[in-house]
N, C-alpha and C. Protein backbone atom coordinates (compact mmCIF):
# COMPACT_ATOMS: atom_id res chain seq x y z
N GLY A 1 228.21 178.34 66.59
CA GLY A 1 226.84 179.13 66.03
C GLY A 1 226.38 180.17 66.23
N ILE A 2 225.18 179.98 65.64
CA ILE A 2 225.01 181.62 66.04
C ILE A 2 223.76 181.78 66.74
N VAL A 3 223.63 182.76 67.62
CA VAL A 3 222.29 182.55 68.28
C VAL A 3 221.00 183.63 68.30
N VAL A 4 219.98 183.83 67.26
CA VAL A 4 219.15 184.84 67.37
C VAL A 4 218.32 184.91 68.66
N ASP A 5 218.19 186.18 69.29
CA ASP A 5 217.43 186.04 70.58
C ASP A 5 216.63 187.45 70.56
N GLY A 6 215.58 187.59 69.90
CA GLY A 6 214.85 189.16 70.04
C GLY A 6 215.42 189.94 68.85
N GLY A 7 215.78 189.10 67.79
CA GLY A 7 216.59 190.21 66.65
C GLY A 7 218.00 190.44 66.72
N THR A 8 219.08 189.77 67.97
CA THR A 8 219.90 190.40 67.99
C THR A 8 220.61 188.68 67.74
N LEU A 9 221.60 189.11 67.05
CA LEU A 9 222.54 187.98 66.94
C LEU A 9 223.78 188.00 67.56
N THR A 10 223.75 187.12 67.97
CA THR A 10 225.20 186.69 69.06
C THR A 10 226.01 185.27 68.10
N MET A 11 227.01 185.91 68.18
CA MET A 11 228.05 184.80 67.71
C MET A 11 228.58 184.01 69.13
N ARG A 12 228.85 182.86 68.75
CA ARG A 12 229.06 181.71 69.67
C ARG A 12 229.94 180.53 69.05
N ASP A 13 230.66 179.69 69.96
CA ASP A 13 231.77 178.77 69.51
C ASP A 13 232.60 178.97 68.38
N GLY A 14 233.18 180.34 67.78
CA GLY A 14 234.08 180.32 66.90
C GLY A 14 233.31 180.75 65.32
N ALA A 15 231.42 180.93 65.64
CA ALA A 15 231.44 181.52 64.35
C ALA A 15 231.59 182.71 64.37
N SER A 16 231.99 182.99 62.56
CA SER A 16 232.17 184.14 62.00
C SER A 16 231.39 184.94 61.80
N VAL A 17 232.11 186.36 61.59
CA VAL A 17 231.09 187.31 60.95
C VAL A 17 230.06 187.44 59.96
N SER A 18 230.99 186.36 58.94
CA SER A 18 230.73 186.20 57.54
C SER A 18 229.62 185.06 57.68
N ASP A 19 229.80 183.68 58.29
CA ASP A 19 228.50 183.08 59.09
C ASP A 19 227.22 183.91 59.81
N CYS A 20 227.59 185.18 60.27
CA CYS A 20 226.55 185.60 60.73
C CYS A 20 225.98 186.31 59.35
N PHE A 21 226.60 186.79 58.73
CA PHE A 21 225.87 187.46 57.24
C PHE A 21 225.15 186.69 56.47
N ASN A 22 225.98 185.74 56.67
CA ASN A 22 225.19 184.69 55.56
C ASN A 22 224.49 183.70 55.94
N THR A 23 224.01 183.57 57.26
CA THR A 23 222.97 182.75 57.45
C THR A 23 221.59 183.82 57.81
N TYR A 24 221.94 185.02 58.26
CA TYR A 24 220.94 185.89 58.40
C TYR A 24 220.98 187.54 57.57
N GLY A 25 221.79 187.52 56.60
CA GLY A 25 221.82 188.48 55.67
C GLY A 25 222.03 189.65 56.23
N SER A 26 222.67 190.58 55.90
CA SER A 26 223.53 191.94 56.36
C SER A 26 223.25 192.59 57.22
N PRO A 27 223.42 193.03 58.46
CA PRO A 27 222.68 193.71 59.14
C PRO A 27 222.42 195.32 59.08
N GLU A 28 221.04 195.36 59.68
CA GLU A 28 220.25 196.81 59.26
C GLU A 28 221.52 198.08 59.92
N THR A 29 222.44 197.65 60.37
CA THR A 29 223.45 198.47 60.85
C THR A 29 225.10 198.31 60.30
N GLU A 30 225.39 199.62 59.63
CA GLU A 30 226.46 199.53 58.35
C GLU A 30 227.32 198.99 59.44
N MET A 31 228.41 198.01 59.20
CA MET A 31 229.58 197.60 59.93
C MET A 31 230.90 197.85 58.92
N TYR A 32 231.77 197.61 59.81
CA TYR A 32 232.87 198.22 58.82
C TYR A 32 234.06 197.72 59.72
N GLY A 33 235.18 196.92 59.29
CA GLY A 33 236.12 196.03 60.03
C GLY A 33 237.44 196.57 59.91
N GLU A 34 238.49 196.23 60.77
CA GLU A 34 239.76 196.62 60.36
C GLU A 34 240.48 195.53 61.31
N GLY A 35 241.54 194.46 60.31
CA GLY A 35 241.90 193.47 60.85
C GLY A 35 241.05 192.53 61.33
N ALA A 36 241.12 192.06 62.35
CA ALA A 36 240.53 191.22 63.19
C ALA A 36 238.99 191.89 63.79
N GLY A 37 238.97 193.28 64.13
CA GLY A 37 238.27 193.81 64.55
C GLY A 37 237.39 194.11 63.92
N ILE A 38 236.05 194.72 64.96
CA ILE A 38 234.54 195.08 63.83
C ILE A 38 234.19 196.04 64.71
N TRP A 39 233.77 196.65 64.29
CA TRP A 39 232.87 198.04 64.93
C TRP A 39 231.87 198.70 64.25
N ALA A 40 230.74 198.98 64.82
CA ALA A 40 229.65 200.03 64.08
C ALA A 40 230.16 201.22 63.70
N ARG A 41 229.29 202.10 62.82
CA ARG A 41 229.76 203.30 62.44
C ARG A 41 229.94 204.06 63.56
N GLU A 42 230.04 205.43 63.41
CA GLU A 42 230.10 206.48 64.24
C GLU A 42 228.35 206.83 65.15
N SER A 43 227.75 207.00 63.86
CA SER A 43 226.81 207.24 64.15
C SER A 43 225.65 206.19 65.03
N THR A 44 226.44 204.91 64.87
CA THR A 44 225.67 204.01 65.87
C THR A 44 226.32 203.89 67.36
N ILE A 45 227.23 204.69 67.51
CA ILE A 45 227.97 204.42 68.71
C ILE A 45 227.29 205.32 70.04
N LYS A 46 227.05 206.22 69.67
CA LYS A 46 226.56 207.32 70.81
C LYS A 46 225.26 206.61 71.85
N GLY A 47 224.82 205.60 71.88
CA GLY A 47 223.87 205.34 72.53
C GLY A 47 224.78 204.17 73.43
N THR A 48 226.03 203.52 73.21
CA THR A 48 226.57 202.44 74.07
C THR A 48 227.35 203.01 74.97
N PRO A 49 227.36 202.64 76.26
CA PRO A 49 228.19 203.41 77.20
C PRO A 49 229.29 203.70 76.98
N HIS A 50 230.24 203.05 76.15
CA HIS A 50 231.19 203.64 75.58
C HIS A 50 231.45 204.72 74.31
N GLY A 51 230.17 204.86 73.81
CA GLY A 51 229.81 205.99 72.88
C GLY A 51 229.63 207.36 74.36
N ARG A 52 229.15 207.08 75.22
CA ARG A 52 228.73 208.13 76.16
C ARG A 52 229.56 208.41 76.81
N THR A 53 231.05 208.00 77.35
CA THR A 53 231.98 207.84 77.95
C THR A 53 232.69 208.86 76.65
N ILE A 54 232.89 208.28 75.86
CA ILE A 54 234.05 209.04 74.80
C ILE A 54 233.11 210.60 74.65
N GLU A 55 231.90 210.94 74.25
CA GLU A 55 231.08 211.83 74.25
C GLU A 55 231.47 212.97 75.09
N ARG A 56 231.79 212.40 76.21
CA ARG A 56 231.64 213.01 77.71
C ARG A 56 233.57 213.68 77.30
N ALA A 57 234.51 212.70 76.79
CA ALA A 57 235.56 213.00 76.89
C ALA A 57 236.11 213.79 75.81
N LEU A 58 234.94 213.81 74.61
CA LEU A 58 235.38 215.22 73.89
C LEU A 58 234.81 216.16 74.05
N SER A 59 233.84 216.59 74.91
CA SER A 59 232.98 217.61 75.79
C SER A 59 234.32 218.24 76.37
N TYR A 60 234.69 217.83 77.38
CA TYR A 60 235.61 217.98 78.63
C TYR A 60 236.93 218.62 77.65
N ILE A 61 237.02 217.95 76.50
CA ILE A 61 238.49 218.13 75.78
C ILE A 61 238.30 219.61 74.96
N SER A 62 237.15 219.64 74.67
CA SER A 62 236.88 221.00 73.69
C SER A 62 236.59 222.17 75.05
N ALA A 63 236.34 222.07 75.89
CA ALA A 63 236.01 222.99 76.99
C ALA A 63 237.63 222.97 77.68
N HIS A 64 238.56 222.23 77.35
CA HIS A 64 239.82 222.75 78.56
C HIS A 64 240.95 222.27 77.81
N ALA A 65 240.88 221.67 76.71
CA ALA A 65 242.07 221.95 75.99
C ALA A 65 243.13 222.45 75.91
N THR A 66 242.58 224.03 76.18
CA THR A 66 243.93 225.36 76.37
C THR A 66 244.24 225.39 77.18
N ASP A 67 243.60 224.61 78.59
CA ASP A 67 244.04 224.96 79.94
C ASP A 67 245.57 224.01 79.97
N GLY A 68 245.77 223.10 79.22
CA GLY A 68 246.94 222.49 79.43
C GLY A 68 246.67 220.77 79.73
N ILE A 69 245.32 220.55 79.91
CA ILE A 69 244.83 219.44 80.33
C ILE A 69 245.82 218.16 79.26
N GLY A 70 245.63 217.07 80.27
CA GLY A 70 246.51 215.85 79.53
C GLY A 70 245.31 214.83 79.47
N ALA A 71 245.65 213.48 79.40
CA ALA A 71 244.88 212.61 79.13
C ALA A 71 244.70 212.17 80.39
N ASN A 72 245.60 211.92 81.63
CA ASN A 72 245.24 211.75 82.61
C ASN A 72 244.01 212.50 83.63
N ASP A 73 243.87 214.02 83.39
CA ASP A 73 242.96 214.86 83.90
C ASP A 73 241.52 214.01 83.18
N ILE A 74 241.71 214.15 82.02
CA ILE A 74 240.25 213.53 81.31
C ILE A 74 239.95 212.13 81.94
N ALA A 75 240.91 211.63 82.04
CA ALA A 75 240.33 210.36 82.82
C ALA A 75 239.82 210.01 84.01
N HIS A 76 240.82 211.18 85.05
CA HIS A 76 240.14 211.35 86.36
C HIS A 76 238.94 212.12 86.31
N HIS A 77 238.50 213.06 85.32
CA HIS A 77 237.10 213.74 85.43
C HIS A 77 236.21 212.51 84.95
N LEU A 78 236.72 211.61 84.15
CA LEU A 78 235.44 210.42 83.86
C LEU A 78 235.30 209.64 85.09
N GLY A 79 236.45 209.22 85.84
CA GLY A 79 236.47 208.15 86.62
C GLY A 79 236.87 206.69 86.15
N ILE A 80 237.70 207.05 85.18
CA ILE A 80 237.99 205.64 84.24
C ILE A 80 239.45 205.68 84.81
N SER A 81 240.30 204.38 84.31
CA SER A 81 241.66 204.88 83.97
C SER A 81 242.19 205.40 82.78
N ARG A 82 243.49 205.72 82.93
CA ARG A 82 244.43 206.24 81.56
C ARG A 82 244.16 205.07 80.52
N ARG A 83 244.29 204.00 80.71
CA ARG A 83 244.57 203.09 80.10
C ARG A 83 243.15 202.46 79.34
N THR A 84 242.05 202.62 80.23
CA THR A 84 240.68 202.35 79.68
C THR A 84 240.57 203.33 78.71
N LEU A 85 240.63 204.90 79.34
CA LEU A 85 240.52 205.76 78.50
C LEU A 85 241.14 206.03 76.79
N ASP A 86 242.15 205.39 77.08
CA ASP A 86 242.89 205.52 75.70
C ASP A 86 242.31 204.56 74.62
N ALA A 87 242.13 203.24 75.58
CA ALA A 87 241.42 202.17 74.59
C ALA A 87 240.01 202.49 73.83
N ARG A 88 239.05 202.99 74.96
CA ARG A 88 237.77 203.00 73.99
C ARG A 88 238.08 204.73 73.38
N PHE A 89 238.69 205.07 73.61
CA PHE A 89 239.08 206.83 72.74
C PHE A 89 239.64 206.03 71.56
N ARG A 90 240.39 205.34 71.35
CA ARG A 90 240.82 204.80 70.00
C ARG A 90 239.66 204.27 69.18
N GLU A 91 239.12 203.16 70.04
CA GLU A 91 237.89 202.25 69.74
C GLU A 91 237.16 203.14 68.79
N MET A 92 236.90 204.27 69.36
CA MET A 92 235.23 204.76 69.06
C MET A 92 235.77 206.12 68.00
N THR A 93 236.97 206.62 67.92
CA THR A 93 237.53 207.47 67.08
C THR A 93 238.61 207.16 66.03
N ARG A 94 239.09 206.30 66.47
CA ARG A 94 240.49 205.64 65.17
C ARG A 94 241.41 206.98 65.78
N SER A 95 241.46 207.49 67.05
CA SER A 95 242.64 208.47 66.67
C SER A 95 243.01 208.25 68.40
N THR A 96 243.94 209.35 68.58
CA THR A 96 244.41 209.05 70.34
C THR A 96 243.80 209.98 71.44
N VAL A 97 243.98 210.29 72.46
CA VAL A 97 243.31 211.26 73.23
C VAL A 97 244.35 212.43 72.87
N LEU A 98 245.60 211.92 73.08
CA LEU A 98 246.32 213.21 72.85
C LEU A 98 246.61 213.93 71.82
N ALA A 99 246.49 213.01 70.55
CA ALA A 99 246.07 213.95 69.02
C ALA A 99 244.87 214.47 68.86
N HIS A 100 243.84 214.36 69.59
CA HIS A 100 242.95 215.06 69.74
C HIS A 100 243.06 216.31 70.52
N ILE A 101 243.59 216.29 71.75
CA ILE A 101 243.74 217.30 72.39
C ILE A 101 245.04 218.55 71.62
N GLN A 102 245.88 217.91 71.51
CA GLN A 102 246.68 218.80 70.19
C GLN A 102 246.08 219.21 69.10
N SER A 103 244.70 218.83 68.39
CA SER A 103 244.28 219.16 66.95
C SER A 103 243.36 220.54 67.65
N GLN A 104 242.55 220.04 69.04
CA GLN A 104 242.04 221.14 69.39
C GLN A 104 242.85 222.78 69.74
N ARG A 105 244.09 222.87 70.37
CA ARG A 105 244.76 223.22 70.75
C ARG A 105 245.21 224.01 69.61
N LEU A 106 245.62 223.10 68.25
CA LEU A 106 246.03 223.69 67.34
C LEU A 106 244.98 225.11 66.51
N ASP A 107 243.73 224.18 66.86
CA ASP A 107 242.61 225.29 66.07
C ASP A 107 242.46 226.32 66.80
N ALA A 108 242.97 226.43 68.05
CA ALA A 108 242.76 227.76 69.30
C ALA A 108 243.84 228.61 68.37
N VAL A 109 245.29 228.00 68.07
CA VAL A 109 246.41 228.86 67.62
C VAL A 109 246.22 229.12 66.50
N LYS A 110 245.48 228.57 65.37
CA LYS A 110 245.13 228.94 64.29
C LYS A 110 243.94 230.54 64.22
N LYS A 111 243.23 230.41 65.45
CA LYS A 111 242.17 231.36 65.53
C LYS A 111 242.91 232.48 66.18
N LEU A 112 244.10 232.64 67.04
CA LEU A 112 244.68 233.58 67.71
C LEU A 112 245.38 234.46 66.37
N LEU A 113 246.09 233.43 66.04
CA LEU A 113 246.95 233.91 64.83
C LEU A 113 246.51 234.42 63.73
N THR A 114 244.99 234.63 63.17
CA THR A 114 244.56 234.62 62.54
C THR A 114 243.58 235.99 62.92
N GLU A 115 242.75 235.90 64.14
CA GLU A 115 242.05 237.15 64.94
C GLU A 115 242.70 238.46 65.86
N THR A 116 244.15 237.98 66.13
CA THR A 116 244.67 239.15 67.23
C THR A 116 246.51 239.09 66.65
N THR A 117 246.65 239.73 67.37
CA THR A 117 248.28 240.32 66.75
C THR A 117 249.07 239.71 68.32
N ASN A 118 248.31 238.46 68.66
CA ASN A 118 249.25 238.41 70.21
C ASN A 118 250.73 237.65 69.68
N THR A 119 251.52 237.72 70.68
CA THR A 119 252.78 237.17 70.18
C THR A 119 252.84 235.59 70.27
N ILE A 120 254.02 234.62 69.74
CA ILE A 120 254.02 233.59 69.40
C ILE A 120 253.94 232.83 71.38
N GLU A 121 254.76 233.77 71.70
CA GLU A 121 254.61 233.33 73.15
C GLU A 121 253.58 233.27 74.04
N SER A 122 252.89 234.51 73.55
CA SER A 122 251.63 234.71 74.27
C SER A 122 250.83 233.51 74.06
N ILE A 123 250.98 233.23 72.51
CA ILE A 123 249.62 232.31 72.35
C ILE A 123 249.73 230.82 72.47
N THR A 124 251.36 230.77 72.98
CA THR A 124 252.10 229.20 73.38
C THR A 124 251.25 228.94 74.75
N GLY A 125 250.91 230.02 75.73
CA GLY A 125 250.34 229.94 77.06
C GLY A 125 249.14 229.90 77.06
N GLN A 126 248.21 231.14 75.91
CA GLN A 126 246.80 230.48 75.81
C GLN A 126 246.44 229.56 75.35
N CYS A 127 247.20 228.54 74.39
CA CYS A 127 246.43 227.37 73.84
C CYS A 127 246.90 226.15 74.83
N GLY A 128 247.85 226.08 75.90
CA GLY A 128 247.99 224.95 76.92
C GLY A 128 249.24 224.52 76.03
N PHE A 129 250.02 225.36 75.34
CA PHE A 129 251.65 224.66 74.93
C PHE A 129 252.46 224.64 75.98
N GLY A 130 253.41 223.94 76.51
CA GLY A 130 254.26 224.06 77.36
C GLY A 130 255.25 224.95 76.99
N SER A 131 256.06 224.81 75.85
CA SER A 131 256.92 226.12 75.23
C SER A 131 256.64 226.39 73.63
N ALA A 132 257.20 227.76 73.26
CA ALA A 132 257.07 228.12 72.27
C ALA A 132 257.79 227.21 71.26
N ASN A 133 258.80 226.66 71.50
CA ASN A 133 259.61 226.17 70.54
C ASN A 133 259.03 224.80 70.37
N HIS A 134 258.14 223.97 70.84
CA HIS A 134 257.63 222.96 70.97
C HIS A 134 256.34 223.24 70.04
N LEU A 135 255.52 224.18 70.20
CA LEU A 135 254.38 224.78 69.27
C LEU A 135 254.86 224.91 67.95
N LYS A 136 256.04 225.91 67.65
CA LYS A 136 256.85 225.89 66.22
C LYS A 136 256.90 224.66 65.65
N LYS A 137 257.41 223.58 66.31
CA LYS A 137 257.70 222.45 65.73
C LYS A 137 256.50 221.79 65.29
N VAL A 138 255.67 221.72 66.21
CA VAL A 138 254.48 220.96 66.27
C VAL A 138 253.28 221.61 65.30
N PHE A 139 253.73 222.86 64.82
CA PHE A 139 252.59 223.73 63.65
C PHE A 139 253.15 223.36 62.59
N ARG A 140 254.59 223.80 62.37
CA ARG A 140 255.13 223.38 60.92
C ARG A 140 254.97 222.24 60.38
N ARG A 141 255.42 221.05 61.22
CA ARG A 141 254.79 219.66 61.12
C ARG A 141 253.79 219.27 60.39
N THR A 142 252.91 219.89 61.00
CA THR A 142 250.73 219.87 60.84
C THR A 142 250.63 220.52 59.58
N PHE A 143 251.42 221.74 59.62
CA PHE A 143 250.46 222.45 58.61
C PHE A 143 251.32 222.93 57.42
N GLY A 144 252.71 222.69 57.66
CA GLY A 144 253.52 222.99 56.47
C GLY A 144 254.12 224.35 56.38
N CYS A 145 254.21 225.15 57.19
CA CYS A 145 254.13 226.52 57.18
C CYS A 145 254.55 227.19 58.89
N SER A 146 255.58 228.16 58.56
CA SER A 146 255.38 228.78 60.08
C SER A 146 254.31 229.47 60.62
N MET A 147 253.91 229.62 61.79
CA MET A 147 253.04 230.40 62.15
C MET A 147 252.95 232.09 61.82
N ARG A 148 254.19 232.52 61.82
CA ARG A 148 254.15 233.39 61.02
C ARG A 148 253.50 233.82 59.55
N GLU A 149 254.18 232.45 58.61
CA GLU A 149 253.52 232.48 57.24
C GLU A 149 251.99 232.61 57.56
N TRP A 150 251.52 231.13 58.49
CA TRP A 150 250.34 231.18 58.44
C TRP A 150 249.06 232.70 59.04
N ARG A 151 249.93 233.43 59.85
CA ARG A 151 249.36 234.76 60.13
C ARG A 151 249.18 235.61 58.70
N LEU A 152 250.14 235.94 58.11
CA LEU A 152 250.63 236.25 56.76
C LEU A 152 249.52 235.75 55.99
N ALA A 153 249.31 234.83 55.53
CA ALA A 153 248.49 234.05 54.54
C ALA A 153 246.75 234.54 55.24
N HIS A 154 246.43 234.36 56.20
CA HIS A 154 245.35 234.09 56.59
C HIS A 154 244.63 235.60 57.51
N THR A 155 245.55 236.45 57.74
CA THR A 155 244.92 237.80 57.81
C THR A 155 244.45 238.55 57.00
N ALA A 156 243.08 239.49 57.43
CA ALA A 156 242.53 240.05 56.53
C ALA A 156 243.33 241.65 56.54
N ARG A 157 243.88 242.27 55.71
CA ARG A 157 244.47 243.25 55.21
C ARG A 157 243.62 244.48 54.93
């Protein structure tokens, strides 16, 4: 059944989410579901312990993505296991840690392509990519053009 304790709904003994809503009406916090899971919308997660952990992870990624960090570095910084980081990050953001790091690095690449005349090799190192060839492949796959084409299209003349 469902237990109400001080306004908090708790499902027990196999009660379903629909039982909860049918018995007590829809929740004040919008909920979204995926498969068998259910989660609160992003604006409500910030106060949760997992939400605060992921906020710290996002902040660390923003500050250090171009330093060549990986998920293990972030987990170490947060004092949690890599497995826990990956699970919480995916739960809260619907993305992976590595995808977010790569996104931050690509944003830095685009900025440098637009604002500087630095070589691709220089930008590779500045943005935390291991090799220029890898960066070129990732950039083309993500944006559908080469870095040279991006630079030409987005640089003021």
